[in-house]
PDB file of N, CA and C in Angstrom:
ATOM      1  N   MET A   1      21.837  52.458 -64.476  1.00  0.00           N
ATOM      2  CA  MET A   1      23.190  52.805 -64.296  1.00  0.00           C
ATOM      3  C   MET A   1      24.472  53.896 -64.821  1.00  0.00           C
ATOM      4  N   ARG A   2      25.043  53.737 -64.121  1.00  0.00           N
ATOM      5  CA  ARG A   2      26.268  54.904 -64.256  1.00  0.00           C
ATOM      6  C   ARG A   2      27.507  54.366 -64.560  1.00  0.00           C
ATOM      7  N   ILE A   3      28.502  54.616 -65.736  1.00  0.00           N
ATOM      8  CA  ILE A   3      29.408  54.039 -66.396  1.00  0.00           C
ATOM      9  C   ILE A   3      30.853  54.836 -66.374  1.00  0.00           C
ATOM     10  N   ALA A   4      31.682  55.046 -66.028  1.00  0.00           N
ATOM     11  CA  ALA A   4      33.001  55.338 -66.057  1.00  0.00           C
ATOM     12  C   ALA A   4      33.836  54.751 -67.259  1.00  0.00           C
ATOM     13  N   MET A   5      34.172  55.682 -68.119  1.00  0.00           N
ATOM     14  CA  MET A   5      34.421  55.255 -69.645  1.00  0.00           C
ATOM     15  C   MET A   5      36.093  55.514 -69.878  1.00  0.00           C
ATOM     16  N   ILE A   6      36.920  55.240 -69.250  1.00  0.00           N
ATOM     17  CA  ILE A   6      38.615  55.165 -69.297  1.00  0.00           C
ATOM     18  C   ILE A   6      38.877  55.839 -70.474  1.00  0.00           C
ATOM     19  N   GLY A   7      39.337  56.993 -71.281  1.00  0.00           N
ATOM     20  CA  GLY A   7      39.782  57.012 -72.441  1.00  0.00           C
ATOM     21  C   GLY A   7      38.908  57.499 -73.083  1.00  0.00           C
ATOM     22  N   THR A   8      39.212  58.899 -74.477  1.00  0.00           N
ATOM     23  CA  THR A   8      38.808  59.416 -74.880  1.00  0.00           C
ATOM     24  C   THR A   8      39.043  59.261 -76.254  1.00  0.00           C
ATOM     25  N   GLY A   9      39.962  58.559 -76.449  1.00  0.00           N
ATOM     26  CA  GLY A   9      40.113  58.282 -77.970  1.00  0.00           C
ATOM     27  C   GLY A   9      39.237  57.083 -78.996  1.00  0.00           C
ATOM     28  N   TYR A  10      39.650  56.604 -79.862  1.00  0.00           N
ATOM     29  CA  TYR A  10      38.832  55.710 -80.921  1.00  0.00           C
ATOM     30  C   TYR A  10      37.445  55.087 -80.198  1.00  0.00           C
ATOM     31  N   VAL A  11      38.517  54.279 -79.331  1.00  0.00           N
ATOM     32  CA  VAL A  11      36.895  53.338 -78.453  1.00  0.00           C
ATOM     33  C   VAL A  11      36.748  53.519 -77.213  1.00  0.00           C
ATOM     34  N   GLY A  12      36.584  54.590 -76.608  1.00  0.00           N
ATOM     35  CA  GLY A  12      36.468  55.183 -75.650  1.00  0.00           C
ATOM     36  C   GLY A  12      35.225  56.011 -75.488  1.00  0.00           C
ATOM     37  N   LEU A  13      35.850  56.997 -76.396  1.00  0.00           N
ATOM     38  CA  LEU A  13      34.852  57.894 -76.776  1.00  0.00           C
ATOM     39  C   LEU A  13      33.192  57.604 -77.265  1.00  0.00           C
ATOM     40  N   VAL A  14      33.947  56.653 -78.152  1.00  0.00           N
ATOM     41  CA  VAL A  14      32.540  56.251 -79.141  1.00  0.00           C
ATOM     42  C   VAL A  14      31.929  55.330 -78.536  1.00  0.00           C
ATOM     43  N   SER A  15      32.692  54.431 -77.849  1.00  0.00           N
ATOM     44  CA  SER A  15      31.979  53.576 -76.948  1.00  0.00           C
ATOM     45  C   SER A  15      30.935  54.256 -75.829  1.00  0.00           C
ATOM     46  N   GLY A  16      31.707  54.996 -74.963  1.00  0.00           N
ATOM     47  CA  GLY A  16      30.957  56.645 -74.253  1.00  0.00           C
ATOM     48  C   GLY A  16      29.707  56.826 -75.253  1.00  0.00           C
ATOM     49  N   THR A  17      29.745  57.163 -75.757  1.00  0.00           N
ATOM     50  CA  THR A  17      28.844  57.938 -76.366  1.00  0.00           C
ATOM     51  C   THR A  17      27.790  57.028 -77.025  1.00  0.00           C
ATOM     52  N   CYS A  18      28.328  55.854 -77.091  1.00  0.00           N
ATOM     53  CA  CYS A  18      26.967  54.806 -77.701  1.00  0.00           C
ATOM     54  C   CYS A  18      25.919  54.620 -76.733  1.00  0.00           C
ATOM     55  N   PHE A  19      27.147  54.081 -75.381  1.00  0.00           N
ATOM     56  CA  PHE A  19      26.343  53.631 -74.247  1.00  0.00           C
ATOM     57  C   PHE A  19      25.180  54.964 -73.608  1.00  0.00           C
ATOM     58  N   SER A  20      25.699  55.918 -73.604  1.00  0.00           N
ATOM     59  CA  SER A  20      24.705  57.496 -73.451  1.00  0.00           C
ATOM     60  C   SER A  20      23.800  57.018 -74.439  1.00  0.00           C
ATOM     61  N   GLU A  21      23.299  56.728 -75.840  1.00  0.00           N
ATOM     62  CA  GLU A  21      22.499  56.849 -76.471  1.00  0.00           C
ATOM     63  C   GLU A  21      21.834  55.835 -76.459  1.00  0.00           C
ATOM     64  N   PHE A  22      21.928  54.985 -75.637  1.00  0.00           N
ATOM     65  CA  PHE A  22      21.051  54.279 -75.153  1.00  0.00           C
ATOM     66  C   PHE A  22      20.854  53.972 -73.994  1.00  0.00           C
ATOM     67  N   GLY A  23      20.530  55.367 -73.032  1.00  0.00           N
ATOM     68  CA  GLY A  23      20.203  55.815 -72.061  1.00  0.00           C
ATOM     69  C   GLY A  23      21.376  55.673 -70.787  1.00  0.00           C
ATOM     70  N   ILE A  24      22.345  54.983 -70.842  1.00  0.00           N
ATOM     71  CA  ILE A  24      23.089  54.763 -69.851  1.00  0.00           C
ATOM     72  C   ILE A  24      23.741  55.957 -69.324  1.00  0.00           C
ATOM     73  N   THR A  25      24.120  56.540 -68.237  1.00  0.00           N
ATOM     74  CA  THR A  25      24.366  58.106 -67.490  1.00  0.00           C
ATOM     75  C   THR A  25      26.265  57.096 -67.672  1.00  0.00           C
ATOM     76  N   VAL A  26      26.793  58.271 -68.808  1.00  0.00           N
ATOM     77  CA  VAL A  26      28.399  58.084 -68.459  1.00  0.00           C
ATOM     78  C   VAL A  26      29.336  58.764 -68.224  1.00  0.00           C
ATOM     79  N   THR A  27      30.574  58.980 -67.570  1.00  0.00           N
ATOM     80  CA  THR A  27      31.409  59.753 -67.518  1.00  0.00           C
ATOM     81  C   THR A  27      32.504  59.228 -67.839  1.00  0.00           C
ATOM     82  N   CYS A  28      33.158  60.253 -69.168  1.00  0.00           N
ATOM     83  CA  CYS A  28      34.060  60.252 -69.913  1.00  0.00           C
ATOM     84  C   CYS A  28      35.541  60.590 -69.242  1.00  0.00           C
ATOM     85  N   VAL A  29      36.437  59.678 -68.929  1.00  0.00           N
ATOM     86  CA  VAL A  29      37.356  60.322 -68.267  1.00  0.00           C
ATOM     87  C   VAL A  29      39.140  60.508 -69.353  1.00  0.00           C
ATOM     88  N   ASP A  30      39.964  61.388 -69.431  1.00  0.00           N
ATOM     89  CA  ASP A  30      40.683  61.296 -70.001  1.00  0.00           C
ATOM     90  C   ASP A  30      42.094  62.454 -69.340  1.00  0.00           C
ATOM     91  N   LYS A  31      42.875  61.842 -68.451  1.00  0.00           N
ATOM     92  CA  LYS A  31      44.109  62.685 -68.693  1.00  0.00           C
ATOM     93  C   LYS A  31      44.704  64.095 -69.087  1.00  0.00           C
ATOM     94  N   ASP A  32      44.372  64.040 -70.319  1.00  0.00           N
ATOM     95  CA  ASP A  32      44.181  65.379 -71.372  1.00  0.00           C
ATOM     96  C   ASP A  32      43.333  65.776 -71.372  1.00  0.00           C
ATOM     97  N   ALA A  33      44.109  67.313 -70.126  1.00  0.00           N
ATOM     98  CA  ALA A  33      43.152  68.410 -69.795  1.00  0.00           C
ATOM     99  C   ALA A  33      42.621  68.926 -71.028  1.00  0.00           C
ATOM    100  N   ARG A  34      43.563  69.315 -71.717  1.00  0.00           N
ATOM    101  CA  ARG A  34      43.231  69.768 -73.260  1.00  0.00           C
ATOM    102  C   ARG A  34      41.470  69.278 -74.072  1.00  0.00           C
ATOM    103  N   LYS A  35      41.936  67.897 -74.063  1.00  0.00           N
ATOM    104  CA  LYS A  35      40.888  67.389 -75.092  1.00  0.00           C
ATOM    105  C   LYS A  35      39.466  67.134 -74.174  1.00  0.00           C
ATOM    106  N   ILE A  36      39.794  66.949 -73.081  1.00  0.00           N
ATOM    107  CA  ILE A  36      38.099  67.309 -71.925  1.00  0.00           C
ATOM    108  C   ILE A  36      37.505  68.486 -72.124  1.00  0.00           C
ATOM    109  N   GLU A  37      38.762  69.529 -72.461  1.00  0.00           N
ATOM    110  CA  GLU A  37      37.938  70.827 -72.393  1.00  0.00           C
ATOM    111  C   GLU A  37      37.486  71.459 -74.194  1.00  0.00           C
ATOM    112  N   LYS A  38      38.073  70.105 -75.018  1.00  0.00           N
ATOM    113  CA  LYS A  38      37.709  70.529 -76.134  1.00  0.00           C
ATOM    114  C   LYS A  38      35.948  69.814 -76.633  1.00  0.00           C
ATOM    115  N   LEU A  39      36.293  69.014 -75.828  1.00  0.00           N
ATOM    116  CA  LEU A  39      35.179  67.838 -75.623  1.00  0.00           C
ATOM    117  C   LEU A  39      33.760  69.091 -75.553  1.00  0.00           C
ATOM    118  N   GLY A  40      34.127  69.501 -73.986  1.00  0.00           N
ATOM    119  CA  GLY A  40      33.494  70.426 -73.506  1.00  0.00           C
ATOM    120  C   GLY A  40      32.551  71.506 -74.361  1.00  0.00           C
ATOM    121  N   GLU A  41      33.445  71.635 -75.351  1.00  0.00           N
ATOM    122  CA  GLU A  41      32.677  72.519 -76.565  1.00  0.00           C
ATOM    123  C   GLU A  41      32.677  71.759 -77.761  1.00  0.00           C
ATOM    124  N   ASN A  42      32.143  70.508 -77.590  1.00  0.00           N
ATOM    125  CA  ASN A  42      31.615  69.971 -78.893  1.00  0.00           C
ATOM    126  C   ASN A  42      32.986  69.739 -80.012  1.00  0.00           C
ATOM    127  N   VAL A  43      34.009  69.979 -79.586  1.00  0.00           N
ATOM    128  CA  VAL A  43      34.839  69.627 -80.867  1.00  0.00           C
ATOM    129  C   VAL A  43      35.709  68.211 -80.265  1.00  0.00           C
ATOM    130  N   MET A  44      35.281  67.595 -81.920  1.00  0.00           N
ATOM    131  CA  MET A  44      35.928  66.220 -81.087  1.00  0.00           C
ATOM    132  C   MET A  44      37.567  65.940 -82.023  1.00  0.00           C
ATOM    133  N   PRO A  45      37.901  64.931 -80.892  1.00  0.00           N
ATOM    134  CA  PRO A  45      39.600  64.584 -81.167  1.00  0.00           C
ATOM    135  C   PRO A  45      39.830  63.813 -82.334  1.00  0.00           C
ATOM    136  N   ILE A  46      38.743  62.953 -82.610  1.00  0.00           N
ATOM    137  CA  ILE A  46      38.888  62.223 -83.584  1.00  0.00           C
ATOM    138  C   ILE A  46      38.119  62.289 -84.811  1.00  0.00           C
ATOM    139  N   TYR A  47      37.712  61.623 -85.710  1.00  0.00           N
ATOM    140  CA  TYR A  47      37.062  61.602 -86.820  1.00  0.00           C
ATOM    141  C   TYR A  47      36.213  60.473 -87.143  1.00  0.00           C
ATOM    142  N   GLU A  48      34.652  60.944 -86.898  1.00  0.00           N
ATOM    143  CA  GLU A  48      33.574  59.705 -86.911  1.00  0.00           C
ATOM    144  C   GLU A  48      32.919  60.256 -87.340  1.00  0.00           C
ATOM    145  N   PRO A  49      31.884  59.918 -88.814  1.00  0.00           N
ATOM    146  CA  PRO A  49      31.064  60.349 -88.858  1.00  0.00           C
ATOM    147  C   PRO A  49      29.610  60.801 -88.023  1.00  0.00           C
ATOM    148  N   GLY A  50      29.177  61.785 -88.033  1.00  0.00           N
ATOM    149  CA  GLY A  50      27.853  62.074 -86.564  1.00  0.00           C
ATOM    150  C   GLY A  50      28.271  61.404 -85.166  1.00  0.00           C
ATOM    151  N   LEU A  51      29.562  61.962 -84.765  1.00  0.00           N
ATOM    152  CA  LEU A  51      30.023  61.616 -83.589  1.00  0.00           C
ATOM    153  C   LEU A  51      29.482  62.934 -82.505  1.00  0.00           C
ATOM    154  N   ASP A  52      29.996  63.977 -83.476  1.00  0.00           N
ATOM    155  CA  ASP A  52      29.596  65.244 -83.126  1.00  0.00           C
ATOM    156  C   ASP A  52      28.326  65.814 -82.895  1.00  0.00           C
ATOM    157  N   ASP A  53      27.302  64.911 -83.361  1.00  0.00           N
ATOM    158  CA  ASP A  53      26.011  65.391 -83.197  1.00  0.00           C
ATOM    159  C   ASP A  53      25.467  64.666 -81.716  1.00  0.00           C
ATOM    160  N   LEU A  54      25.800  63.361 -82.229  1.00  0.00           N
ATOM    161  CA  LEU A  54      25.642  61.985 -80.958  1.00  0.00           C
ATOM    162  C   LEU A  54      25.949  63.115 -79.406  1.00  0.00           C
ATOM    163  N   VAL A  55      27.523  63.527 -79.259  1.00  0.00           N
ATOM    164  CA  VAL A  55      28.049  63.625 -77.993  1.00  0.00           C
ATOM    165  C   VAL A  55      27.045  65.129 -77.796  1.00  0.00           C
ATOM    166  N   ALA A  56      26.571  66.123 -78.790  1.00  0.00           N
ATOM    167  CA  ALA A  56      25.773  67.448 -78.247  1.00  0.00           C
ATOM    168  C   ALA A  56      24.345  66.346 -77.649  1.00  0.00           C
ATOM    169  N   ALA A  57      24.029  66.004 -78.311  1.00  0.00           N
ATOM    170  CA  ALA A  57      22.752  65.581 -77.809  1.00  0.00           C
ATOM    171  C   ALA A  57      22.760  64.748 -76.725  1.00  0.00           C
ATOM    172  N   ASN A  58      23.740  64.429 -76.195  1.00  0.00           N
ATOM    173  CA  ASN A  58      24.070  63.602 -75.041  1.00  0.00           C
ATOM    174  C   ASN A  58      24.335  64.177 -73.946  1.00  0.00           C
ATOM    175  N   VAL A  59      25.412  65.033 -74.274  1.00  0.00           N
ATOM    176  CA  VAL A  59      25.474  65.951 -73.161  1.00  0.00           C
ATOM    177  C   VAL A  59      24.642  67.312 -73.023  1.00  0.00           C
ATOM    178  N   GLU A  60      23.678  67.470 -73.745  1.00  0.00           N
ATOM    179  CA  GLU A  60      22.181  68.203 -73.817  1.00  0.00           C
ATOM    180  C   GLU A  60      21.865  67.677 -72.578  1.00  0.00           C
ATOM    181  N   SER A  61      21.432  65.898 -72.503  1.00  0.00           N
ATOM    182  CA  SER A  61      20.300  65.322 -72.008  1.00  0.00           C
ATOM    183  C   SER A  61      21.175  65.420 -70.878  1.00  0.00           C
ATOM    184  N   GLY A  62      22.193  65.490 -70.646  1.00  0.00           N
ATOM    185  CA  GLY A  62      22.943  65.373 -69.401  1.00  0.00           C
ATOM    186  C   GLY A  62      23.479  63.463 -69.017  1.00  0.00           C
ATOM    187  N   ARG A  63      23.214  63.003 -70.072  1.00  0.00           N
ATOM    188  CA  ARG A  63      23.637  61.437 -69.352  1.00  0.00           C
ATOM    189  C   ARG A  63      25.266  61.369 -70.385  1.00  0.00           C
ATOM    190  N   LEU A  64      26.167  62.498 -70.933  1.00  0.00           N
ATOM    191  CA  LEU A  64      27.280  62.089 -70.935  1.00  0.00           C
ATOM    192  C   LEU A  64      28.262  63.356 -70.400  1.00  0.00           C
ATOM    193  N   THR A  65      29.040  63.693 -69.668  1.00  0.00           N
ATOM    194  CA  THR A  65      29.958  64.008 -69.401  1.00  0.00           C
ATOM    195  C   THR A  65      31.101  63.870 -69.628  1.00  0.00           C
ATOM    196  N   PHE A  66      32.359  64.808 -69.430  1.00  0.00           N
ATOM    197  CA  PHE A  66      33.948  64.553 -69.515  1.00  0.00           C
ATOM    198  C   PHE A  66      34.439  65.320 -68.087  1.00  0.00           C
ATOM    199  N   THR A  67      35.223  64.805 -67.774  1.00  0.00           N
ATOM    200  CA  THR A  67      36.231  64.864 -66.669  1.00  0.00           C
ATOM    201  C   THR A  67      37.870  64.658 -66.601  1.00  0.00           C
ATOM    202  N   THR A  68      38.448  65.143 -65.870  1.00  0.00           N
ATOM    203  CA  THR A  68      40.421  64.378 -65.753  1.00  0.00           C
ATOM    204  C   THR A  68      40.355  63.787 -64.439  1.00  0.00           C
ATOM    205  N   ASP A  69      39.009  64.046 -63.947  1.00  0.00           N
ATOM    206  CA  ASP A  69      38.986  63.401 -62.016  1.00  0.00           C
ATOM    207  C   ASP A  69      38.828  62.099 -61.696  1.00  0.00           C
ATOM    208  N   LEU A  70      39.572  61.221 -62.172  1.00  0.00           N
ATOM    209  CA  LEU A  70      39.610  59.882 -62.646  1.00  0.00           C
ATOM    210  C   LEU A  70      38.821  59.074 -61.568  1.00  0.00           C
ATOM    211  N   LYS A  71      39.329  59.275 -60.109  1.00  0.00           N
ATOM    212  CA  LYS A  71      39.158  59.014 -58.584  1.00  0.00           C
ATOM    213  C   LYS A  71      37.258  59.156 -58.497  1.00  0.00           C
ATOM    214  N   SER A  72      37.226  60.587 -59.226  1.00  0.00           N
ATOM    215  CA  SER A  72      35.638  60.822 -58.765  1.00  0.00           C
ATOM    216  C   SER A  72      34.590  60.596 -59.494  1.00  0.00           C
ATOM    217  N   ALA A  73      35.044  60.003 -60.854  1.00  0.00           N
ATOM    218  CA  ALA A  73      34.356  59.397 -62.028  1.00  0.00           C
ATOM    219  C   ALA A  73      33.746  57.898 -61.319  1.00  0.00           C
ATOM    220  N   VAL A  74      35.138  57.471 -61.132  1.00  0.00           N
ATOM    221  CA  VAL A  74      35.167  55.494 -60.707  1.00  0.00           C
ATOM    222  C   VAL A  74      34.739  55.500 -59.151  1.00  0.00           C
ATOM    223  N   LYS A  75      34.447  56.320 -58.492  1.00  0.00           N
ATOM    224  CA  LYS A  75      33.799  55.910 -57.146  1.00  0.00           C
ATOM    225  C   LYS A  75      32.458  56.163 -57.488  1.00  0.00           C
ATOM    226  N   ASP A  76      31.937  56.804 -58.489  1.00  0.00           N
ATOM    227  CA  ASP A  76      30.201  57.384 -58.257  1.00  0.00           C
ATOM    228  C   ASP A  76      29.571  56.821 -59.477  1.00  0.00           C
ATOM    229  N   ALA A  77      30.703  55.591 -59.926  1.00  0.00           N
ATOM    230  CA  ALA A  77      30.341  54.667 -61.442  1.00  0.00           C
ATOM    231  C   ALA A  77      29.760  53.019 -60.427  1.00  0.00           C
ATOM    232  N   ASP A  78      28.717  52.420 -61.770  1.00  0.00           N
ATOM    233  CA  ASP A  78      28.056  51.518 -61.412  1.00  0.00           C
ATOM    234  C   ASP A  78      29.371  50.126 -61.748  1.00  0.00           C
ATOM    235  N   ALA A  79      29.943  50.906 -63.095  1.00  0.00           N
ATOM    236  CA  ALA A  79      30.734  49.986 -63.765  1.00  0.00           C
ATOM    237  C   ALA A  79      31.974  51.000 -64.532  1.00  0.00           C
ATOM    238  N   VAL A  80      33.147  50.277 -64.552  1.00  0.00           N
ATOM    239  CA  VAL A  80      34.040  51.141 -65.252  1.00  0.00           C
ATOM    240  C   VAL A  80      34.808  50.290 -66.584  1.00  0.00           C
ATOM    241  N   PHE A  81      34.697  50.789 -67.501  1.00  0.00           N
ATOM    242  CA  PHE A  81      35.511  50.419 -68.603  1.00  0.00           C
ATOM    243  C   PHE A  81      36.753  51.393 -69.005  1.00  0.00           C
ATOM    244  N   ARG A  82      37.529  50.896 -69.826  1.00  0.00           N
ATOM    245  CA  ARG A  82      39.185  50.932 -70.610  1.00  0.00           C
ATOM    246  C   ARG A  82      39.475  50.274 -71.413  1.00  0.00           C
TER     247      ARG A  82
END
């Protein structure tokens, strides 16, 4: 299953990361390009203990990606959450 998670704030980023930890392929989308760039560098925009390690592991596994391209993320997804 492929999910598009719209928004990378407290709810979107944590939920998307948890879904990816369960083995689901997740694309997290945000309109803030700087935030997406930082997430690609494993710099968290929020504080949640252990989130950086989970994000890093799931990015490395290929189950978690970040983008600003909403149209592409939604097109490729089986489900969309926001």
